[in-house]
N, C-alpha and C. Protein backbone atom coordinates (compact mmCIF):
# COMPACT_ATOMS: atom_id res chain seq x y z
N MET A 1 103.84 131.21 106.85
CA MET A 1 103.98 129.50 107.19
C MET A 1 104.01 129.41 108.88
N SER A 2 104.27 127.88 109.36
CA SER A 2 104.28 128.16 110.81
C SER A 2 105.63 127.24 111.16
N ASP A 3 105.55 127.31 112.36
CA ASP A 3 107.12 126.27 112.49
C ASP A 3 106.27 125.43 113.84
N ARG A 4 105.26 125.23 113.64
CA ARG A 4 104.37 124.24 114.96
C ARG A 4 104.76 123.11 114.27
N VAL A 5 104.41 122.14 114.91
CA VAL A 5 105.02 120.68 114.56
C VAL A 5 103.65 119.81 115.29
N PRO A 6 103.14 119.18 114.15
CA PRO A 6 101.91 118.62 114.22
C PRO A 6 102.61 116.67 114.85
N CYS A 7 101.63 116.27 115.65
CA CYS A 7 102.33 114.77 115.97
C CYS A 7 100.82 113.99 115.81
N ARG A 8 101.20 112.84 115.27
CA ARG A 8 99.99 111.66 114.84
C ARG A 8 99.91 111.41 116.19
N ALA A 9 98.35 110.91 116.11
CA ALA A 9 97.62 110.34 117.19
C ALA A 9 97.53 108.70 116.95
N GLU A 10 97.79 108.11 118.01
CA GLU A 10 97.28 106.12 117.59
C GLU A 10 96.28 106.34 116.81
N ALA A 11 96.67 105.72 116.04
CA ALA A 11 95.55 105.04 114.70
C ALA A 11 96.18 103.76 113.61
N LEU A 12 95.02 103.13 113.16
CA LEU A 12 95.67 102.22 112.53
C LEU A 12 94.82 102.89 111.15
N THR A 13 95.97 102.30 110.41
CA THR A 13 96.01 102.70 109.16
C THR A 13 96.35 101.94 108.10
N HIS A 14 95.10 101.75 107.24
CA HIS A 14 95.04 100.90 106.14
C HIS A 14 94.63 101.11 104.45
N GLU A 15 95.67 100.69 103.41
CA GLU A 15 95.49 101.52 102.16
C GLU A 15 95.03 100.52 101.56
N VAL A 16 93.69 100.96 101.04
CA VAL A 16 92.94 100.04 100.23
C VAL A 16 93.27 99.89 98.52
N GLN A 17 93.62 98.71 98.32
CA GLN A 17 94.35 98.67 97.48
C GLN A 17 93.30 99.03 95.56
N GLY A 18 94.34 100.13 94.77
CA GLY A 18 93.64 99.90 93.62
C GLY A 18 92.59 101.28 93.94
N SER A 19 92.47 102.11 94.75
CA SER A 19 91.45 102.79 95.01
C SER A 19 92.47 104.21 95.70
N GLY A 20 93.69 104.67 95.80
CA GLY A 20 93.96 105.52 95.96
C GLY A 20 93.66 106.34 97.62
N GLU A 21 92.73 104.98 98.36
CA GLU A 21 92.84 105.61 99.58
C GLU A 21 93.17 104.79 101.12
N THR A 22 93.46 106.27 101.68
CA THR A 22 93.85 105.37 103.21
C THR A 22 93.04 105.53 104.33
N VAL A 23 92.37 104.52 104.93
CA VAL A 23 91.52 104.66 105.83
C VAL A 23 91.84 104.87 107.44
N LEU A 24 91.68 105.56 107.78
CA LEU A 24 92.53 105.78 109.54
C LEU A 24 91.20 105.53 110.42
N TYR A 25 91.25 104.67 111.21
CA TYR A 25 90.89 104.04 112.25
C TYR A 25 91.23 104.57 113.59
N ASP A 26 90.30 105.28 114.32
CA ASP A 26 91.21 106.26 115.57
C ASP A 26 90.02 104.89 116.80
N GLU A 27 91.05 104.17 117.43
CA GLU A 27 90.31 102.95 118.44
C GLU A 27 89.71 104.11 119.28
N ALA A 28 90.48 105.37 120.08
CA ALA A 28 90.32 105.73 121.23
C ALA A 28 88.83 107.19 121.36
N GLY A 29 88.63 107.49 119.81
CA GLY A 29 87.64 108.29 119.53
C GLY A 29 86.89 107.18 118.77
N ASP A 30 87.06 106.18 118.42
CA ASP A 30 86.04 105.44 117.72
C ASP A 30 85.79 105.83 116.30
N GLN A 31 86.33 106.45 115.76
CA GLN A 31 86.26 106.96 114.51
C GLN A 31 86.60 106.74 113.13
N LEU A 32 86.04 106.67 112.38
CA LEU A 32 86.90 106.08 110.66
C LEU A 32 86.71 107.85 109.95
N LEU A 33 88.00 107.63 109.32
CA LEU A 33 88.50 108.64 108.27
C LEU A 33 89.09 108.45 107.41
N VAL A 34 88.90 108.67 105.90
CA VAL A 34 88.89 108.29 104.63
C VAL A 34 90.00 109.12 104.22
N LEU A 35 91.20 108.93 103.98
CA LEU A 35 91.90 109.94 103.24
C LEU A 35 92.16 109.65 102.10
N ASN A 36 92.63 110.83 100.87
CA ASN A 36 92.62 110.63 99.55
C ASN A 36 94.58 110.51 99.72
N GLU A 37 94.86 110.68 98.05
CA GLU A 37 96.57 109.89 98.15
C GLU A 37 97.34 111.40 99.11
N THR A 38 96.83 112.62 98.81
CA THR A 38 97.51 113.74 99.20
C THR A 38 97.50 113.28 100.66
N GLY A 39 96.25 113.26 101.71
CA GLY A 39 95.76 113.37 102.84
C GLY A 39 96.60 112.39 103.52
N ALA A 40 97.00 111.08 102.52
CA ALA A 40 97.70 110.15 103.23
C ALA A 40 99.36 110.52 103.82
N ALA A 41 99.60 110.90 101.82
CA ALA A 41 100.98 111.42 102.06
C ALA A 41 101.32 112.65 103.24
N ILE A 42 100.39 113.41 103.57
CA ILE A 42 100.73 114.09 104.42
C ILE A 42 100.65 113.45 105.74
N TRP A 43 99.46 112.51 106.20
CA TRP A 43 99.85 111.60 107.21
C TRP A 43 101.07 111.36 107.66
N LEU A 44 101.59 110.58 106.15
CA LEU A 44 102.90 110.20 106.28
C LEU A 44 103.93 111.06 107.30
N LEU A 45 103.82 112.14 106.60
CA LEU A 45 104.63 113.38 107.15
C LEU A 45 104.51 113.96 108.10
N VAL A 46 103.33 113.91 108.93
CA VAL A 46 103.36 114.23 109.89
C VAL A 46 103.49 113.36 110.96
N ASP A 47 105.24 113.38 111.86
CA ASP A 47 105.82 112.70 112.35
C ASP A 47 106.60 113.07 114.10
N GLY A 48 105.87 114.34 114.08
CA GLY A 48 106.51 114.99 115.47
C GLY A 48 107.54 115.60 115.08
N GLN A 49 108.31 115.78 114.09
CA GLN A 49 109.53 115.95 114.05
C GLN A 49 109.51 117.41 113.06
N ARG A 50 109.29 117.16 111.48
CA ARG A 50 108.27 118.01 110.61
C ARG A 50 107.78 119.50 111.10
N SER A 51 107.73 120.60 110.76
CA SER A 51 106.95 121.47 111.16
C SER A 51 106.16 121.54 109.93
N VAL A 52 104.79 122.48 110.43
CA VAL A 52 104.21 122.50 108.96
C VAL A 52 104.99 123.52 107.96
N GLN A 53 105.63 124.17 107.93
CA GLN A 53 106.54 124.59 106.65
C GLN A 53 107.17 123.60 106.60
N ASP A 54 107.49 122.88 106.74
CA ASP A 54 108.59 121.37 106.19
C ASP A 54 107.70 120.69 105.54
N ILE A 55 106.83 120.08 105.93
CA ILE A 55 105.51 119.71 105.70
C ILE A 55 105.25 120.36 103.78
N THR A 56 104.69 121.55 104.03
CA THR A 56 104.41 122.48 102.99
C THR A 56 105.34 122.37 102.11
N ASP A 57 106.77 122.39 102.85
CA ASP A 57 107.61 122.37 101.17
C ASP A 57 107.80 120.99 100.77
N GLU A 58 107.39 119.58 101.30
CA GLU A 58 107.89 118.54 100.74
C GLU A 58 106.43 118.28 99.91
N VAL A 59 105.54 118.80 99.93
CA VAL A 59 103.84 118.50 99.66
C VAL A 59 104.18 119.52 98.20
N ALA A 60 104.56 120.84 98.14
CA ALA A 60 104.85 121.65 97.32
C ALA A 60 105.63 120.57 96.48
N GLY A 61 106.85 120.38 96.85
CA GLY A 61 107.40 119.73 95.63
C GLY A 61 106.85 118.64 95.24
N LEU A 62 106.69 117.55 96.09
CA LEU A 62 106.04 116.36 95.51
C LEU A 62 104.99 116.75 94.14
N LEU A 63 103.78 117.75 94.61
CA LEU A 63 102.65 117.86 93.68
C LEU A 63 103.11 119.29 93.14
N ALA A 64 104.07 119.76 92.32
CA ALA A 64 104.28 121.01 91.93
C ALA A 64 103.81 121.61 91.82
N ILE A 65 103.06 122.71 92.71
CA ILE A 65 101.74 123.37 92.94
C ILE A 65 102.49 124.20 93.65
N ASP A 66 102.14 125.67 93.82
CA ASP A 66 102.25 126.69 94.45
C ASP A 66 102.24 126.43 96.31
N LYS A 67 103.46 127.18 96.63
CA LYS A 67 103.36 126.97 98.47
C LYS A 67 101.86 127.52 99.02
N ALA A 68 101.43 128.66 97.88
CA ALA A 68 100.65 129.67 98.97
C ALA A 68 99.40 128.18 99.36
N GLN A 69 98.89 128.00 97.67
CA GLN A 69 97.50 126.73 98.29
C GLN A 69 97.70 125.43 98.74
N VAL A 70 99.37 125.18 99.06
CA VAL A 70 99.62 124.11 99.69
C VAL A 70 99.20 124.70 101.47
N VAL A 71 99.44 125.51 101.24
CA VAL A 71 99.31 126.13 103.10
C VAL A 71 97.83 126.52 103.61
N LEU A 72 97.30 126.62 102.10
CA LEU A 72 95.75 126.95 102.26
C LEU A 72 95.21 125.29 103.03
N SER A 73 95.48 124.97 102.08
CA SER A 73 94.58 123.15 102.41
C SER A 73 95.66 122.35 103.43
N LEU A 74 96.68 122.55 103.99
CA LEU A 74 97.40 121.99 104.57
C LEU A 74 96.82 122.63 105.86
N ASP A 75 96.65 123.91 106.51
CA ASP A 75 95.85 123.96 107.59
C ASP A 75 94.75 123.77 107.87
N ALA A 76 93.95 123.66 106.73
CA ALA A 76 92.97 123.49 107.25
C ALA A 76 92.60 121.70 107.62
N PHE A 77 93.20 120.88 106.43
CA PHE A 77 93.32 119.68 106.82
C PHE A 77 94.08 119.07 107.97
N LEU A 78 94.91 119.62 108.71
CA LEU A 78 95.61 119.88 110.17
C LEU A 78 94.53 119.84 111.14
N ASP A 79 93.88 121.30 111.02
CA ASP A 79 93.07 122.21 112.10
C ASP A 79 91.60 120.72 112.18
N GLU A 80 91.65 120.30 110.69
CA GLU A 80 90.30 119.09 110.73
C GLU A 80 90.63 117.91 111.82
N LEU A 81 91.82 117.22 111.41
CA LEU A 81 92.39 116.29 112.27
C LEU A 81 92.88 116.92 113.83
N SER A 82 93.15 117.65 113.97
CA SER A 82 92.90 118.31 115.31
C SER A 82 91.68 118.13 115.96
N GLU A 83 90.90 118.74 115.51
CA GLU A 83 89.87 118.50 115.61
C GLU A 83 88.89 117.48 116.36
N LYS A 84 89.85 116.56 115.54
CA LYS A 84 89.34 114.73 115.74
C LYS A 84 90.58 113.95 116.31
N ASN A 85 91.10 115.09 116.96
CA ASN A 85 91.89 114.28 118.17
C ASN A 85 93.17 113.54 117.48
N LEU A 86 93.31 113.97 116.09
CA LEU A 86 94.07 112.83 115.54
C LEU A 86 95.41 113.35 115.59
N VAL A 87 95.62 114.53 115.35
CA VAL A 87 96.93 115.50 115.61
C VAL A 87 97.16 116.40 116.95
N THR A 88 98.37 116.50 117.39
CA THR A 88 98.48 117.20 118.74
C THR A 88 99.44 118.06 118.05
N TRP A 89 99.73 119.03 118.88
CA TRP A 89 101.02 119.99 118.15
C TRP A 89 101.87 120.14 119.55
N GLN A 90 103.29 120.05 119.14
CA GLN A 90 104.75 120.36 120.34
C GLN A 90 104.72 121.85 119.98
């Protein structure tokens, strides 16, 4: 696990009622990204204070799943957000 700390970029967020999805709109990059409930929960945990390990622990506890599974999914998700310039690293 990592002690890297992800930070969210400026993006407008909107929860789509009844769908379990959250939409992120990055005005600077003119891109739209639809997140499922897990992705939205992770997005909210990316606060510039929590490390990847902290987020992993919270997600594993909330979803009651194995940390190893969370690590793989979380790393891939954060890498995708980073490639889209929606997450930076401290």
